[in-house]
Protein backbone atom coordinates (compact mmCIF):
# COMPACT_ATOMS: atom_id res chain seq x y z
CA UNK A 1 -3.22 -17.09 5.84
CA UNK A 2 -5.06 -13.93 4.81
CA UNK A 3 -7.20 -14.07 7.97
CA UNK A 4 -4.06 -14.20 10.09
CA UNK A 5 -2.10 -11.53 8.23
CA UNK A 6 -4.95 -9.08 7.60
CA UNK A 7 -5.02 -7.78 11.18
CA UNK A 8 -1.21 -7.44 11.16
CA UNK A 9 -1.35 -5.40 7.95
CA UNK A 10 -3.97 -3.09 9.45
CA UNK A 11 -2.48 -2.72 12.93
CA UNK A 12 1.09 -2.03 11.81
CA UNK A 13 0.46 -0.22 8.50
CA UNK A 14 2.36 -3.02 6.79
CA UNK A 15 3.75 -2.35 3.34
CA UNK A 16 5.08 -5.90 2.99
CA UNK A 17 4.69 -9.10 4.98
CA UNK A 18 6.82 -12.14 4.56
CA UNK A 19 8.43 -15.07 6.28
CA UNK A 20 12.02 -16.18 6.65
CA UNK A 21 12.71 -19.86 7.21
CA UNK A 22 16.20 -20.45 8.61
CA UNK A 23 16.02 -24.19 7.93
CA UNK A 24 15.68 -23.64 4.19
CA UNK A 25 17.38 -20.20 4.28
CA UNK A 26 14.56 -18.85 2.16
CA UNK A 27 12.15 -15.93 2.10
CA UNK A 28 8.48 -15.95 1.14
CA UNK A 29 7.32 -12.38 0.56
CA UNK A 30 3.61 -11.56 0.34
CA UNK A 31 2.70 -15.23 0.83
CA UNK A 32 -0.34 -16.68 -0.86
CA UNK A 33 -3.52 -17.32 1.10
CA UNK A 34 -2.96 -21.08 1.01
CA UNK A 35 0.54 -21.03 2.52
CA UNK A 36 1.00 -22.85 5.83
CA UNK A 37 3.05 -21.23 8.57
CA UNK A 38 5.67 -23.60 10.00
CA UNK A 39 7.29 -23.54 13.44
CA UNK A 40 10.62 -22.45 11.91
CA UNK A 41 9.14 -19.40 10.15
CA UNK A 42 10.10 -15.93 11.32
CA UNK A 43 7.57 -13.19 10.59
CA UNK A 44 8.98 -10.26 8.60
CA UNK A 45 7.00 -6.99 8.49
CA UNK A 46 7.99 -3.83 6.62
CA UNK A 47 5.88 -1.05 8.09
CA UNK A 48 5.11 2.57 7.26
CA UNK A 49 4.76 3.13 11.02
CA UNK A 50 7.99 2.23 12.80
CA UNK A 51 6.65 3.27 16.21
CA UNK A 52 3.97 0.56 15.94
CA UNK A 53 6.59 -2.17 15.50
CA UNK A 54 9.20 -1.04 18.04
CA UNK A 55 7.63 -2.77 21.09
CA UNK A 56 7.50 -6.06 19.10
CA UNK A 57 10.95 -6.00 17.55
CA UNK A 58 12.38 -8.82 19.65
CA UNK A 59 9.19 -10.75 20.42
């Protein structure tokens, strides 16, 4: 997990990274390095640099 999220944190000046899972209606904020990403997960990024996220808002 940390290898996947590290570049996101750097590229988007992320203050917080988490996942929302609509199936379980739950959030996992600052997930541990051993967490597995599932197909239902939606990436949630809170960034200090909004202009970096704007092109990806609906991706």
